[in-house]
């Protein structure tokens, strides 16, 4: 999110992009399984990483819905101020 904001995107789009970057669940699970099968990851670390992957993937939808609700409420107020209306 911060990298896209630094590159000039607005806050809403930056937050949405950051949330969507967390939907890497399937690729991450494949990589974790390979690391576990090769003995690189101990069982506890593997379990924590799988849980983190699932939680961040499942939270993507609610985070995007929250972003839309917040910008929908704030949108008309910000737009009215830009037009010079009280």
N, C-alpha and C. Protein backbone atom coordinates (compact mmCIF):
# COMPACT_ATOMS: atom_id res chain seq x y z
N UNK A 1 0.82 -1.19 0.00
CA UNK A 1 0.00 0.00 0.00
C UNK A 1 0.87 1.26 0.00
N UNK A 2 1.86 1.27 0.87
CA UNK A 2 2.71 2.46 0.97
C UNK A 2 3.53 2.70 -0.30
N UNK A 3 3.96 1.63 -0.94
CA UNK A 3 4.74 1.79 -2.18
C UNK A 3 3.88 2.41 -3.27
N UNK A 4 2.63 1.96 -3.41
CA UNK A 4 1.76 2.54 -4.45
C UNK A 4 1.38 3.97 -4.09
N UNK A 5 1.22 4.26 -2.82
CA UNK A 5 0.92 5.64 -2.40
C UNK A 5 2.11 6.54 -2.70
N UNK A 6 3.31 6.04 -2.46
CA UNK A 6 4.52 6.80 -2.75
C UNK A 6 4.66 7.09 -4.24
N UNK A 7 4.14 6.18 -5.07
CA UNK A 7 4.23 6.35 -6.52
C UNK A 7 3.12 7.24 -7.08
N UNK A 8 2.22 7.75 -6.23
CA UNK A 8 1.25 8.73 -6.67
C UNK A 8 -0.19 8.28 -6.71
N UNK A 9 -0.50 7.05 -6.34
CA UNK A 9 -1.90 6.61 -6.33
C UNK A 9 -2.61 7.22 -5.13
N UNK A 10 -3.94 7.34 -5.23
CA UNK A 10 -4.68 7.86 -4.08
C UNK A 10 -4.79 6.78 -3.00
N UNK A 11 -5.25 7.17 -1.80
CA UNK A 11 -5.28 6.26 -0.66
C UNK A 11 -6.19 5.07 -0.89
N UNK A 12 -7.36 5.30 -1.49
CA UNK A 12 -8.31 4.19 -1.71
C UNK A 12 -7.71 3.14 -2.63
N UNK A 13 -7.16 3.56 -3.76
CA UNK A 13 -6.57 2.62 -4.69
C UNK A 13 -5.33 1.95 -4.10
N UNK A 14 -4.56 2.68 -3.35
CA UNK A 14 -3.37 2.10 -2.71
C UNK A 14 -3.76 1.03 -1.72
N UNK A 15 -4.79 1.30 -0.90
CA UNK A 15 -5.25 0.32 0.07
C UNK A 15 -5.83 -0.92 -0.63
N UNK A 16 -6.60 -0.70 -1.69
CA UNK A 16 -7.16 -1.82 -2.43
C UNK A 16 -6.06 -2.68 -3.05
N UNK A 17 -5.05 -2.05 -3.61
CA UNK A 17 -3.95 -2.79 -4.19
C UNK A 17 -3.20 -3.58 -3.13
N UNK A 18 -2.98 -2.97 -1.98
CA UNK A 18 -2.31 -3.67 -0.88
C UNK A 18 -3.11 -4.86 -0.39
N UNK A 19 -4.43 -4.71 -0.30
CA UNK A 19 -5.27 -5.83 0.12
C UNK A 19 -5.27 -6.94 -0.92
N UNK A 20 -5.31 -6.57 -2.18
CA UNK A 20 -5.31 -7.59 -3.23
C UNK A 20 -3.97 -8.31 -3.34
N UNK A 21 -2.88 -7.67 -2.93
CA UNK A 21 -1.59 -8.33 -2.95
C UNK A 21 -1.53 -9.48 -1.94
N UNK A 22 -2.42 -9.48 -0.96
CA UNK A 22 -2.46 -10.55 0.03
C UNK A 22 -3.19 -11.79 -0.47
N UNK A 23 -3.71 -11.79 -1.66
CA UNK A 23 -4.43 -12.96 -2.17
C UNK A 23 -3.48 -13.91 -2.88
N UNK A 24 -2.36 -14.11 -2.31
CA UNK A 24 -1.35 -14.99 -2.88
C UNK A 24 -1.42 -16.38 -2.24
N UNK A 25 -2.54 -16.72 -1.64
CA UNK A 25 -2.68 -17.92 -0.83
C UNK A 25 -2.29 -19.22 -1.51
N UNK A 26 -2.76 -19.49 -2.70
CA UNK A 26 -2.48 -20.77 -3.35
C UNK A 26 -1.00 -20.92 -3.68
N UNK A 27 -0.40 -19.88 -4.21
CA UNK A 27 1.03 -19.94 -4.55
C UNK A 27 1.85 -20.11 -3.28
N UNK A 28 1.47 -19.40 -2.24
CA UNK A 28 2.20 -19.50 -0.98
C UNK A 28 2.07 -20.89 -0.37
N UNK A 29 0.90 -21.48 -0.45
CA UNK A 29 0.72 -22.82 0.09
C UNK A 29 1.57 -23.85 -0.66
N UNK A 30 1.67 -23.71 -1.97
CA UNK A 30 2.52 -24.61 -2.75
C UNK A 30 3.98 -24.45 -2.32
N UNK A 31 4.43 -23.22 -2.19
CA UNK A 31 5.82 -22.97 -1.78
C UNK A 31 6.07 -23.49 -0.37
N UNK A 32 5.12 -23.31 0.53
CA UNK A 32 5.28 -23.81 1.90
C UNK A 32 5.34 -25.34 1.92
N UNK A 33 4.51 -25.98 1.12
CA UNK A 33 4.55 -27.45 1.07
C UNK A 33 5.88 -27.96 0.54
N UNK A 34 6.43 -27.30 -0.46
CA UNK A 34 7.73 -27.70 -0.98
C UNK A 34 8.81 -27.51 0.08
N UNK A 35 8.78 -26.38 0.76
CA UNK A 35 9.75 -26.14 1.83
C UNK A 35 9.62 -27.13 2.97
N UNK A 36 8.40 -27.50 3.30
CA UNK A 36 8.18 -28.48 4.37
C UNK A 36 8.65 -29.87 3.94
N UNK A 37 8.34 -30.25 2.70
CA UNK A 37 8.75 -31.56 2.20
C UNK A 37 10.27 -31.70 2.10
N UNK A 38 10.95 -30.60 1.79
CA UNK A 38 12.41 -30.63 1.71
C UNK A 38 13.08 -30.54 3.08
N UNK A 39 12.30 -30.31 4.12
CA UNK A 39 12.85 -30.22 5.47
C UNK A 39 13.39 -28.85 5.83
N UNK A 40 13.10 -27.85 5.01
CA UNK A 40 13.58 -26.49 5.29
C UNK A 40 12.76 -25.84 6.40
N UNK A 41 11.46 -26.10 6.41
CA UNK A 41 10.57 -25.51 7.41
C UNK A 41 10.23 -26.53 8.49
N UNK A 42 10.42 -26.16 9.76
CA UNK A 42 9.97 -27.05 10.83
C UNK A 42 8.43 -27.04 10.91
N UNK A 43 7.83 -28.06 11.52
CA UNK A 43 6.37 -28.15 11.55
C UNK A 43 5.66 -26.94 12.17
N UNK A 44 6.21 -26.37 13.23
CA UNK A 44 5.56 -25.21 13.88
C UNK A 44 5.54 -23.99 12.95
N UNK A 45 6.66 -23.72 12.32
CA UNK A 45 6.73 -22.58 11.39
C UNK A 45 5.80 -22.82 10.20
N UNK A 46 5.76 -24.05 9.71
CA UNK A 46 4.88 -24.39 8.59
C UNK A 46 3.42 -24.12 8.97
N UNK A 47 3.02 -24.55 10.16
CA UNK A 47 1.64 -24.36 10.60
C UNK A 47 1.30 -22.87 10.73
N UNK A 48 2.20 -22.09 11.28
CA UNK A 48 1.96 -20.66 11.45
C UNK A 48 1.86 -19.97 10.09
N UNK A 49 2.72 -20.34 9.17
CA UNK A 49 2.70 -19.72 7.84
C UNK A 49 1.43 -20.10 7.06
N UNK A 50 0.99 -21.34 7.18
CA UNK A 50 -0.26 -21.75 6.53
C UNK A 50 -1.43 -20.98 7.12
N UNK A 51 -1.48 -20.86 8.43
CA UNK A 51 -2.56 -20.11 9.08
C UNK A 51 -2.54 -18.65 8.64
N UNK A 52 -1.36 -18.04 8.58
CA UNK A 52 -1.26 -16.65 8.14
C UNK A 52 -1.71 -16.49 6.70
N UNK A 53 -1.36 -17.43 5.86
CA UNK A 53 -1.77 -17.39 4.46
C UNK A 53 -3.29 -17.46 4.32
N UNK A 54 -3.91 -18.34 5.08
CA UNK A 54 -5.38 -18.48 5.02
C UNK A 54 -6.08 -17.24 5.55
N UNK A 55 -5.61 -16.69 6.66
CA UNK A 55 -6.25 -15.52 7.26
C UNK A 55 -6.16 -14.31 6.34
N UNK A 56 -4.97 -14.06 5.78
CA UNK A 56 -4.83 -12.89 4.91
C UNK A 56 -5.63 -13.05 3.62
N UNK A 57 -5.74 -14.27 3.12
CA UNK A 57 -6.53 -14.50 1.91
C UNK A 57 -8.02 -14.31 2.20
N UNK A 58 -8.50 -14.81 3.33
CA UNK A 58 -9.91 -14.67 3.67
C UNK A 58 -10.29 -13.23 4.03
N UNK A 59 -9.35 -12.43 4.48
CA UNK A 59 -9.65 -11.05 4.86
C UNK A 59 -9.70 -10.08 3.68
N UNK A 60 -9.29 -10.52 2.51
CA UNK A 60 -9.23 -9.62 1.36
C UNK A 60 -10.62 -9.08 1.00
N UNK A 61 -11.61 -9.93 0.90
CA UNK A 61 -12.97 -9.49 0.55
C UNK A 61 -13.54 -8.48 1.53
N UNK A 62 -13.53 -8.79 2.84
CA UNK A 62 -14.03 -7.80 3.80
C UNK A 62 -13.26 -6.49 3.80
N UNK A 63 -11.96 -6.53 3.57
CA UNK A 63 -11.19 -5.28 3.52
C UNK A 63 -11.59 -4.43 2.32
N UNK A 64 -11.82 -5.06 1.19
CA UNK A 64 -12.25 -4.30 0.01
C UNK A 64 -13.66 -3.74 0.20
N UNK A 65 -14.54 -4.51 0.83
CA UNK A 65 -15.88 -4.01 1.12
C UNK A 65 -15.83 -2.82 2.08
N UNK A 66 -14.96 -2.90 3.08
CA UNK A 66 -14.79 -1.78 4.01
C UNK A 66 -14.29 -0.54 3.29
N UNK A 67 -13.37 -0.70 2.38
CA UNK A 67 -12.85 0.43 1.61
C UNK A 67 -13.96 1.08 0.80
N UNK A 68 -14.79 0.27 0.16
CA UNK A 68 -15.89 0.83 -0.64
C UNK A 68 -16.90 1.56 0.25
N UNK A 69 -17.21 1.01 1.41
CA UNK A 69 -18.17 1.68 2.31
C UNK A 69 -17.64 3.01 2.80
N UNK A 70 -16.37 3.05 3.16
CA UNK A 70 -15.79 4.29 3.67
C UNK A 70 -15.74 5.35 2.57
N UNK A 71 -15.33 4.98 1.38
CA UNK A 71 -15.26 5.98 0.31
C UNK A 71 -16.63 6.37 -0.20
N UNK A 72 -17.62 5.48 -0.10
CA UNK A 72 -18.98 5.83 -0.50
C UNK A 72 -19.56 6.87 0.44
N UNK A 73 -19.29 6.73 1.74
CA UNK A 73 -19.79 7.71 2.71
C UNK A 73 -19.06 9.04 2.58
N UNK A 74 -17.76 8.99 2.38
CA UNK A 74 -16.96 10.22 2.33
C UNK A 74 -16.98 10.86 0.95
N UNK A 75 -17.30 10.10 -0.08
CA UNK A 75 -17.24 10.59 -1.44
C UNK A 75 -18.06 11.83 -1.72
N UNK A 76 -19.37 11.84 -1.45
CA UNK A 76 -20.17 13.03 -1.76
C UNK A 76 -19.75 14.26 -0.97
N UNK A 77 -19.29 14.09 0.26
CA UNK A 77 -18.86 15.23 1.07
C UNK A 77 -17.61 15.86 0.46
N UNK A 78 -16.66 15.03 0.10
CA UNK A 78 -15.42 15.55 -0.50
C UNK A 78 -15.72 16.21 -1.83
N UNK A 79 -16.59 15.60 -2.63
CA UNK A 79 -16.94 16.14 -3.93
C UNK A 79 -17.65 17.50 -3.78
N UNK A 80 -18.54 17.62 -2.80
CA UNK A 80 -19.26 18.87 -2.60
C UNK A 80 -18.29 19.98 -2.19
N UNK A 81 -17.31 19.67 -1.40
CA UNK A 81 -16.34 20.68 -0.98
C UNK A 81 -15.51 21.16 -2.18
N UNK A 82 -15.20 20.27 -3.07
CA UNK A 82 -14.42 20.66 -4.24
C UNK A 82 -15.20 21.60 -5.14
N UNK A 83 -16.51 21.45 -5.18
CA UNK A 83 -17.33 22.32 -6.01
C UNK A 83 -17.58 23.68 -5.36
N UNK A 84 -17.19 23.82 -4.12
CA UNK A 84 -17.38 25.09 -3.44
C UNK A 84 -18.70 25.18 -2.71
N UNK A 85 -19.45 24.09 -2.64
CA UNK A 85 -20.72 24.10 -1.90
C UNK A 85 -20.43 23.89 -0.41
N UNK A 86 -21.25 24.47 0.45
CA UNK A 86 -21.02 24.29 1.90
C UNK A 86 -21.36 22.90 2.37
